[in-house]
Amino acid sequence: MPTRNLNILVIGPDKERRQEIVAELLHHRVAAPIELEAYSQIRNLAAGAKDWNVALLDLDSDPDLCLAVVQTLSSRNPMGTVMVYAKHRDPELLMRCMRAGAREYLTLPIDHRLLQEALSRAAARRTESAGLENTGKILVFLGSKGGVGVSTIATNFAVVLNQEGASAFLLDLNLELGETSLLLGVNPQFTLADVLENARRLDRELLEGMITRHDSGLALIPGPDAVGAVQAFENGDLSRLLGLLQDQFSFIVVDAGHGLLRNGQAFLDMADTVYVVTQADVPALRNAQRYVKHLQRVAGAKVRLVLNRYDVRKPEIDEDHIAKAVGAPVDWRLPSDYQLVRRSHNTAAPLALADSPISLVIRNMAREVCGKPLQPAPKRRLRFLG
């Protein structure tokens, strides 16, 4: 398998060792590798596979930090090949490396034949992934705290996207007691718990068999309906799942609840837009400010602020003060209508299918994503008393 077209990173603080690896790679006639002298320099790399196909990391310099970087790189680029190199072969460290996502463990001095075989396997993986560029946009809905309505908004947003002709998918990342199946009135055969249980052997065919379909045509994976049903994602499993969905759908709408950050930096790197859902009370706005600040600092995603249950006629905190408190303008404002939302929840009839001020806002959010013109609010009819 040809290895000349591989883009290779060599990462390690030990210059002598790093140059030894680079010399071996050049001996195998690969393109000149990119050298990073500190693990922290991976921050300068693109979020996906643009910068590299193969990464070789010095394990001995700082094993714990090296393993953390291995996990980050594996999550960012599931089709890339991460290798580590060390002076000795330690069985315990070898197991930790594999769990973190490393595919090769090389010992120094490098064996020419073993390195060639490792590079050939990396080239084969690159060939397999050629032409399978992920195109679907990942749209994440994050609640500033529990109870702000993030599941309701995310679910109805996904329904509208599908109505607007987009190929949309709804992924409920609540690890216990997910609500999307209840909101849509579906009885799923499989949930996120099943996906996580089979994460290591997940492929397109297996994933297709776990997808639930709503009457509207929307495809989804609901969250589990049990307490303590699943553990968190590990070692690139979430990135792998999202990558498979990107290959099949134009938009992946993610209900992240109010725990997005527990899924790690890799999730933020993949998101195209993060909608931070909040409401006009001090605890929710305080959390929203912290989320927005964090997202603006560490994620390349576009952050949008969604204000839910807002009564413009009697606001306790006006919109200007909200924008100033959060540090971001309010992009979308959903009116308060308790009776309508309760009826939707109790009947499992999506808000998006009704004619209401709330559904109009959600529809326009979806139309904006699709590049369609926004629908104007209906004009109020004047009543003349004779």
Protein backbone atom coordinates (compact mmCIF):
# COMPACT_ATOMS: atom_id res chain seq x y z
CA MET A 1 0.00 0.00 0.00
CA PRO A 2 1.57 3.38 -1.02
CA THR A 3 2.45 5.65 1.89
CA ARG A 4 3.80 8.72 0.10
CA ASN A 5 0.55 10.69 0.40
CA LEU A 6 0.27 10.36 4.15
CA ASN A 7 0.35 13.59 6.18
CA ILE A 8 2.29 12.69 9.31
CA LEU A 9 2.74 14.41 12.67
CA VAL A 10 5.58 13.60 15.04
CA ILE A 11 4.92 14.93 18.54
CA GLY A 12 7.35 14.80 21.44
CA PRO A 13 9.45 17.06 23.68
CA ASP A 14 12.59 14.90 23.24
CA LYS A 15 14.24 16.39 20.14
CA GLU A 16 16.74 13.56 19.63
CA ARG A 17 14.03 10.90 19.70
CA ARG A 18 11.75 12.98 17.50
CA GLN A 19 14.46 13.40 14.87
CA GLU A 20 15.15 9.66 14.98
CA ILE A 21 11.51 9.00 14.12
CA VAL A 22 11.55 11.63 11.36
CA ALA A 23 14.69 10.07 9.83
CA GLU A 24 13.02 6.65 9.79
CA LEU A 25 9.93 8.08 8.12
CA LEU A 26 11.99 9.80 5.44
CA HIS A 27 13.76 6.50 4.86
CA HIS A 28 10.34 5.12 3.90
CA ARG A 29 9.92 7.98 1.41
CA VAL A 30 6.93 9.62 3.04
CA ALA A 31 6.31 13.36 2.72
CA ALA A 32 8.27 15.49 5.19
CA PRO A 33 6.54 15.04 8.58
CA ILE A 34 5.33 17.97 10.67
CA GLU A 35 7.19 18.15 13.99
CA LEU A 36 5.54 19.41 17.19
CA GLU A 37 7.88 19.82 20.13
CA ALA A 38 5.09 20.09 22.74
CA TYR A 39 1.87 18.14 23.19
CA SER A 40 -0.04 21.38 23.69
CA GLN A 41 0.68 22.41 20.08
CA ILE A 42 -2.16 20.16 18.88
CA ARG A 43 -4.40 23.13 19.70
CA ASN A 44 -3.12 24.74 16.50
CA LEU A 45 -4.34 21.85 14.37
CA ALA A 46 -7.65 21.79 12.53
CA ALA A 47 -10.51 20.02 14.29
CA GLY A 48 -10.77 17.19 11.76
CA ALA A 49 -8.55 15.34 9.33
CA LYS A 50 -7.22 18.28 7.32
CA ASP A 51 -3.78 18.40 8.93
CA TRP A 52 -2.86 14.74 9.37
CA ASN A 53 -3.53 11.09 8.61
CA VAL A 54 -0.91 9.65 10.99
CA ALA A 55 0.32 10.97 14.34
CA LEU A 56 3.31 9.49 16.21
CA LEU A 57 3.68 10.51 19.86
CA ASP A 58 6.54 10.11 22.32
CA LEU A 59 5.06 8.05 25.17
CA ASP A 60 8.04 8.13 27.55
CA SER A 61 8.34 11.91 27.99
CA ASP A 62 5.01 12.22 29.85
CA PRO A 63 2.81 9.08 29.61
CA ASP A 64 -0.33 10.55 31.18
CA LEU A 65 -0.27 13.71 29.07
CA CYS A 66 0.59 11.69 25.98
CA LEU A 67 -2.41 9.41 26.51
CA ALA A 68 -4.70 12.41 26.94
CA VAL A 69 -3.46 13.77 23.60
CA VAL A 70 -3.90 10.34 21.98
CA GLN A 71 -7.53 10.32 23.07
CA THR A 72 -8.09 13.86 21.79
CA LEU A 73 -6.53 13.16 18.39
CA SER A 74 -8.42 9.86 18.02
CA SER A 75 -11.70 11.58 18.82
CA ARG A 76 -11.09 14.45 16.41
CA ASN A 77 -10.13 12.20 13.51
CA PRO A 78 -11.58 8.67 13.91
CA MET A 79 -10.23 7.62 10.49
CA GLY A 80 -6.70 8.77 11.29
CA THR A 81 -4.03 6.49 12.75
CA VAL A 82 -2.46 7.42 16.08
CA MET A 83 0.78 5.63 17.04
CA VAL A 84 3.00 5.89 20.10
CA TYR A 85 6.72 5.15 20.42
CA ALA A 86 8.61 4.20 23.57
CA LYS A 87 11.94 2.74 24.69
CA HIS A 88 10.36 -0.38 26.18
CA ARG A 89 7.19 -2.37 25.62
CA ASP A 90 5.11 -2.11 28.81
CA PRO A 91 2.00 -4.39 28.74
CA GLU A 92 0.05 -2.13 31.11
CA LEU A 93 0.89 0.99 29.13
CA LEU A 94 0.11 -0.85 25.90
CA MET A 95 -3.41 -1.58 27.17
CA ARG A 96 -3.89 2.04 28.24
CA CYS A 97 -2.74 3.24 24.81
CA MET A 98 -5.21 0.99 23.01
CA ARG A 99 -8.04 2.17 25.24
CA ALA A 100 -7.12 5.79 24.50
CA GLY A 101 -7.32 5.13 20.76
CA ALA A 102 -3.74 4.38 19.69
CA ARG A 103 -3.53 1.79 16.89
CA GLU A 104 0.21 1.09 16.94
CA TYR A 105 2.82 0.77 19.72
CA LEU A 106 6.37 1.05 18.38
CA THR A 107 9.54 0.44 20.37
CA LEU A 108 12.90 2.16 19.90
CA PRO A 109 15.05 1.66 17.99
CA ILE A 110 12.42 1.43 15.27
CA ASP A 111 12.27 -1.80 13.30
CA HIS A 112 12.15 -0.88 9.59
CA ARG A 113 9.80 -3.70 8.67
CA LEU A 114 7.36 -3.05 11.53
CA LEU A 115 7.23 0.67 10.74
CA GLN A 116 6.53 -0.07 7.07
CA GLU A 117 3.71 -2.42 8.03
CA ALA A 118 2.23 0.17 10.39
CA LEU A 119 2.39 2.88 7.69
CA SER A 120 0.78 0.53 5.16
CA ARG A 121 -2.13 -0.10 7.54
CA ALA A 122 -2.51 3.65 8.00
CA ALA A 123 -2.49 4.17 4.24
CA ALA A 124 -5.17 1.49 3.86
CA ARG A 125 -7.39 3.27 6.40
CA ARG A 126 -6.89 6.52 4.52
CA THR A 127 -7.91 4.86 1.26
CA GLU A 128 -11.02 3.38 2.88
CA SER A 129 -12.10 6.81 4.09
CA ALA A 130 -11.41 8.56 0.76
CA GLY A 131 -14.59 9.88 -0.79
CA LEU A 132 -16.47 9.55 2.50
CA GLU A 133 -16.14 13.17 3.56
CA ASN A 134 -18.62 14.05 6.28
CA THR A 135 -21.04 16.67 5.02
CA GLY A 136 -23.88 16.76 7.53
CA LYS A 137 -24.01 19.79 9.81
CA ILE A 138 -24.15 19.15 13.56
CA LEU A 139 -26.53 21.48 15.40
CA VAL A 140 -26.32 21.18 19.18
CA PHE A 141 -28.98 22.36 21.64
CA LEU A 142 -27.60 22.93 25.13
CA GLY A 143 -29.72 23.97 28.11
CA SER A 144 -28.19 26.45 30.51
CA LYS A 145 -29.81 24.38 33.30
CA GLY A 146 -32.40 21.67 33.69
CA GLY A 147 -35.99 22.57 32.85
CA VAL A 148 -35.39 25.40 30.36
CA GLY A 149 -37.09 23.48 27.53
CA VAL A 150 -34.08 22.36 25.51
CA SER A 151 -35.56 18.94 24.61
CA THR A 152 -38.83 20.49 23.46
CA ILE A 153 -37.07 23.04 21.26
CA ALA A 154 -34.52 20.58 19.82
CA THR A 155 -37.21 17.99 19.01
CA ASN A 156 -39.53 20.43 17.29
CA PHE A 157 -36.63 22.08 15.47
CA ALA A 158 -35.69 18.67 14.02
CA VAL A 159 -39.30 18.00 12.98
CA VAL A 160 -39.44 21.34 11.14
CA LEU A 161 -36.09 20.74 9.41
CA ASN A 162 -37.51 17.51 8.06
CA GLN A 163 -40.69 19.30 6.97
CA GLU A 164 -38.63 21.89 5.13
CA GLY A 165 -37.21 19.13 2.95
CA ALA A 166 -33.91 18.71 4.75
CA SER A 167 -32.58 15.27 5.63
CA ALA A 168 -32.62 15.66 9.42
CA PHE A 169 -31.73 13.36 12.30
CA LEU A 170 -32.46 13.83 16.01
CA LEU A 171 -29.94 12.45 18.51
CA ASP A 172 -30.90 12.49 22.19
CA LEU A 173 -27.70 12.50 24.25
CA ASN A 174 -29.40 12.42 27.64
CA LEU A 175 -27.85 9.32 29.19
CA GLU A 176 -30.91 8.53 31.29
CA LEU A 177 -34.62 9.34 31.07
CA GLY A 178 -34.45 10.90 27.61
CA GLU A 179 -37.63 12.73 26.62
CA THR A 180 -37.58 12.88 22.82
CA SER A 181 -39.50 9.60 22.37
CA LEU A 182 -42.22 10.86 24.72
CA LEU A 183 -42.45 14.22 22.98
CA LEU A 184 -42.89 12.48 19.62
CA GLY A 185 -45.09 9.63 20.84
CA VAL A 186 -42.82 6.87 19.51
CA ASN A 187 -42.09 3.51 21.13
CA PRO A 188 -38.47 2.83 20.14
CA GLN A 189 -37.08 -0.67 19.91
CA PHE A 190 -33.55 0.70 20.42
CA THR A 191 -32.19 3.72 22.32
CA LEU A 192 -28.87 5.42 22.95
CA ALA A 193 -28.11 2.66 25.48
CA ASP A 194 -28.04 0.08 22.67
CA VAL A 195 -25.85 2.31 20.51
CA LEU A 196 -23.33 2.72 23.32
CA GLU A 197 -23.34 -1.01 24.07
CA ASN A 198 -22.38 -1.68 20.44
CA ALA A 199 -20.21 1.40 19.91
CA ARG A 200 -17.00 -0.53 19.10
CA ARG A 201 -18.57 -2.48 16.24
CA LEU A 202 -20.86 0.28 15.02
CA ASP A 203 -21.10 0.68 11.26
CA ARG A 204 -23.65 2.12 8.86
CA GLU A 205 -25.68 -1.08 8.55
CA LEU A 206 -25.85 -1.73 12.30
CA LEU A 207 -26.73 1.91 13.00
CA GLU A 208 -29.53 1.87 10.42
CA GLY A 209 -31.16 -1.02 12.28
CA MET A 210 -31.24 1.02 15.51
CA ILE A 211 -32.89 4.13 14.07
CA THR A 212 -36.48 4.99 15.03
CA ARG A 213 -38.81 6.77 12.58
CA HIS A 214 -41.50 9.27 13.56
CA ASP A 215 -44.75 9.59 11.56
CA SER A 216 -43.44 12.89 10.17
CA GLY A 217 -40.51 11.00 8.61
CA LEU A 218 -37.96 12.27 11.12
CA ALA A 219 -35.23 9.75 12.01
CA LEU A 220 -33.96 9.63 15.58
CA ILE A 221 -32.13 7.78 18.31
CA PRO A 222 -33.95 8.50 21.59
CA GLY A 223 -32.28 8.62 24.97
CA PRO A 224 -32.76 5.61 27.27
CA ASP A 225 -35.84 5.65 29.50
CA ALA A 226 -34.14 4.07 32.52
CA VAL A 227 -32.10 5.50 35.38
CA GLY A 228 -28.40 4.68 35.24
CA ALA A 229 -28.87 2.91 31.92
CA VAL A 230 -25.56 3.80 30.29
CA GLN A 231 -22.12 5.17 30.98
CA ALA A 232 -20.62 8.18 29.20
CA PHE A 233 -19.05 7.94 25.75
CA GLU A 234 -15.42 6.82 25.59
CA ASN A 235 -12.41 7.11 23.27
CA GLY A 236 -13.97 8.60 20.18
CA ASP A 237 -17.24 6.61 20.29
CA LEU A 238 -19.32 9.79 20.02
CA SER A 239 -17.20 11.13 17.16
CA ARG A 240 -17.60 7.82 15.35
CA LEU A 241 -21.38 7.88 15.79
CA LEU A 242 -21.65 11.48 14.60
CA GLY A 243 -19.41 10.74 11.63
CA LEU A 244 -21.68 7.89 10.52
CA LEU A 245 -24.71 10.15 10.84
CA GLN A 246 -22.99 12.92 8.88
CA ASP A 247 -22.54 10.52 5.99
CA GLN A 248 -26.30 9.91 5.82
CA PHE A 249 -28.06 13.12 6.89
CA SER A 250 -27.79 16.80 6.00
CA PHE A 251 -28.43 17.92 9.58
CA ILE A 252 -27.87 16.15 12.89
CA VAL A 253 -29.83 17.87 15.66
CA VAL A 254 -28.38 17.00 19.07
CA ASP A 255 -30.34 17.32 22.30
CA ALA A 256 -27.42 17.65 24.71
CA GLY A 257 -29.53 18.41 27.76
CA HIS A 258 -27.54 20.58 30.14
CA GLY A 259 -24.43 18.39 30.21
CA LEU A 260 -22.70 19.01 26.89
CA LEU A 261 -19.26 19.52 28.35
CA ARG A 262 -19.09 16.04 29.89
CA ASN A 263 -18.85 14.69 26.33
CA GLY A 264 -15.52 16.41 25.87
CA GLN A 265 -13.76 18.80 23.55
CA ALA A 266 -14.13 16.48 20.55
CA PHE A 267 -17.88 17.03 20.54
CA LEU A 268 -17.43 20.80 20.52
CA ASP A 269 -14.90 20.53 17.69
CA MET A 270 -17.46 18.74 15.50
CA ALA A 271 -20.41 21.07 16.17
CA ASP A 272 -21.28 23.63 13.49
CA THR A 273 -23.68 25.58 15.71
CA VAL A 274 -24.41 25.43 19.44
CA TYR A 275 -27.78 26.85 20.50
CA VAL A 276 -27.59 27.79 24.18
CA VAL A 277 -31.16 27.69 25.49
CA THR A 278 -31.95 29.77 28.55
CA GLN A 279 -34.77 31.71 30.18
CA ALA A 280 -35.10 35.03 31.94
CA ASP A 281 -34.18 34.09 35.49
CA VAL A 282 -30.93 34.67 37.33
CA PRO A 283 -29.74 31.02 37.72
CA ALA A 284 -30.38 30.21 34.04
CA LEU A 285 -28.72 33.42 32.83
CA ARG A 286 -25.72 32.92 35.10
CA ASN A 287 -25.15 29.43 33.65
CA ALA A 288 -25.76 30.68 30.11
CA GLN A 289 -23.05 33.32 30.57
CA ARG A 290 -20.57 30.67 31.63
CA TYR A 291 -21.48 28.31 28.80
CA VAL A 292 -21.29 31.04 26.17
CA LYS A 293 -17.93 32.27 27.47
CA HIS A 294 -16.52 28.75 27.45
CA LEU A 295 -17.85 27.93 23.98
CA GLN A 296 -16.53 31.16 22.51
CA ARG A 297 -13.10 30.40 23.93
CA VAL A 298 -12.62 26.71 23.12
CA ALA A 299 -14.99 25.86 20.26
CA GLY A 300 -14.97 26.89 16.65
CA ALA A 301 -18.72 26.43 16.55
CA LYS A 302 -21.08 29.32 16.05
CA VAL A 303 -22.90 30.08 19.33
CA ARG A 304 -26.53 31.23 19.21
CA LEU A 305 -28.51 32.35 22.26
CA VAL A 306 -32.14 31.17 22.47
CA LEU A 307 -34.39 32.80 25.07
CA ASN A 308 -37.32 30.57 25.97
CA ARG A 309 -40.63 31.38 27.72
CA TYR A 310 -40.17 35.11 27.30
CA ASP A 311 -43.19 37.33 27.96
CA VAL A 312 -42.49 40.61 26.18
CA ARG A 313 -45.51 42.25 27.85
CA LYS A 314 -44.20 41.88 31.39
CA PRO A 315 -40.49 41.03 31.39
CA GLU A 316 -38.82 40.90 34.78
CA ILE A 317 -35.47 41.23 32.99
CA ASP A 318 -35.52 43.00 29.62
CA GLU A 319 -33.69 41.78 26.54
CA ASP A 320 -30.90 44.37 26.72
CA HIS A 321 -30.03 43.36 30.27
CA ILE A 322 -30.12 39.69 29.29
CA ALA A 323 -27.67 40.26 26.43
CA LYS A 324 -25.39 42.23 28.71
CA ALA A 325 -25.54 39.60 31.48
CA VAL A 326 -24.83 36.67 29.16
CA GLY A 327 -22.29 38.47 26.98
CA ALA A 328 -24.09 37.65 23.74
CA PRO A 329 -27.13 39.03 21.90
CA VAL A 330 -30.42 37.14 21.96
CA ASP A 331 -30.69 35.48 18.55
CA TRP A 332 -34.07 33.82 18.98
CA ARG A 333 -36.89 34.56 21.42
CA LEU A 334 -39.68 32.05 22.02
CA PRO A 335 -42.87 33.40 23.62
CA SER A 336 -44.31 31.90 26.79
CA ASP A 337 -47.38 29.69 26.23
CA TYR A 338 -47.68 27.20 29.05
CA GLN A 339 -51.04 25.75 28.02
CA LEU A 340 -49.98 25.06 24.44
CA VAL A 341 -46.70 23.41 25.46
CA ARG A 342 -48.40 21.28 28.13
CA ARG A 343 -51.01 20.12 25.63
CA SER A 344 -48.24 19.21 23.17
CA HIS A 345 -46.41 17.19 25.82
CA ASN A 346 -49.55 15.38 26.98
CA THR A 347 -50.74 14.48 23.48
CA ALA A 348 -47.29 13.87 21.90
CA ALA A 349 -48.32 16.23 19.08
CA PRO A 350 -45.25 18.30 18.11
CA LEU A 351 -45.56 22.06 18.55
CA ALA A 352 -44.05 22.45 15.10
CA LEU A 353 -47.21 20.98 13.53
CA ALA A 354 -49.46 23.60 15.12
CA ASP A 355 -50.05 27.20 14.04
CA SER A 356 -48.75 29.33 16.88
CA PRO A 357 -46.22 32.08 17.65
CA ILE A 358 -43.90 29.44 19.16
CA SER A 359 -44.02 27.22 16.08
CA LEU A 360 -43.35 30.24 13.85
CA VAL A 361 -40.12 31.03 15.72
CA ILE A 362 -38.96 27.40 15.59
CA ARG A 363 -39.81 27.22 11.89
CA ASN A 364 -37.79 30.35 11.18
CA MET A 365 -34.85 28.95 13.14
CA ALA A 366 -34.95 25.91 10.87
CA ARG A 367 -35.45 27.95 7.69
CA GLU A 368 -32.42 30.06 8.56
CA VAL A 369 -30.31 26.91 8.78
CA CYS A 370 -31.68 25.73 5.42
CA GLY A 371 -30.88 29.09 3.80
CA LYS A 372 -34.55 29.88 3.22
CA PRO A 373 -36.24 33.27 3.78
CA LEU A 374 -37.90 33.71 7.14
CA GLN A 375 -41.68 33.70 7.36
CA PRO A 376 -43.20 36.95 8.64
CA ALA A 377 -45.53 36.98 11.61
CA PRO A 378 -49.20 37.22 10.59
CA LYS A 379 -50.58 40.71 10.70
CA ARG A 380 -53.11 41.45 13.37
CA ARG A 381 -56.56 42.15 12.08
CA LEU A 382 -58.07 45.44 13.15
CA ARG A 383 -61.56 45.22 14.57
CA PHE A 384 -63.88 48.17 14.06
CA LEU A 385 -66.79 48.62 16.41
CA GLY A 386 -69.88 50.00 14.74
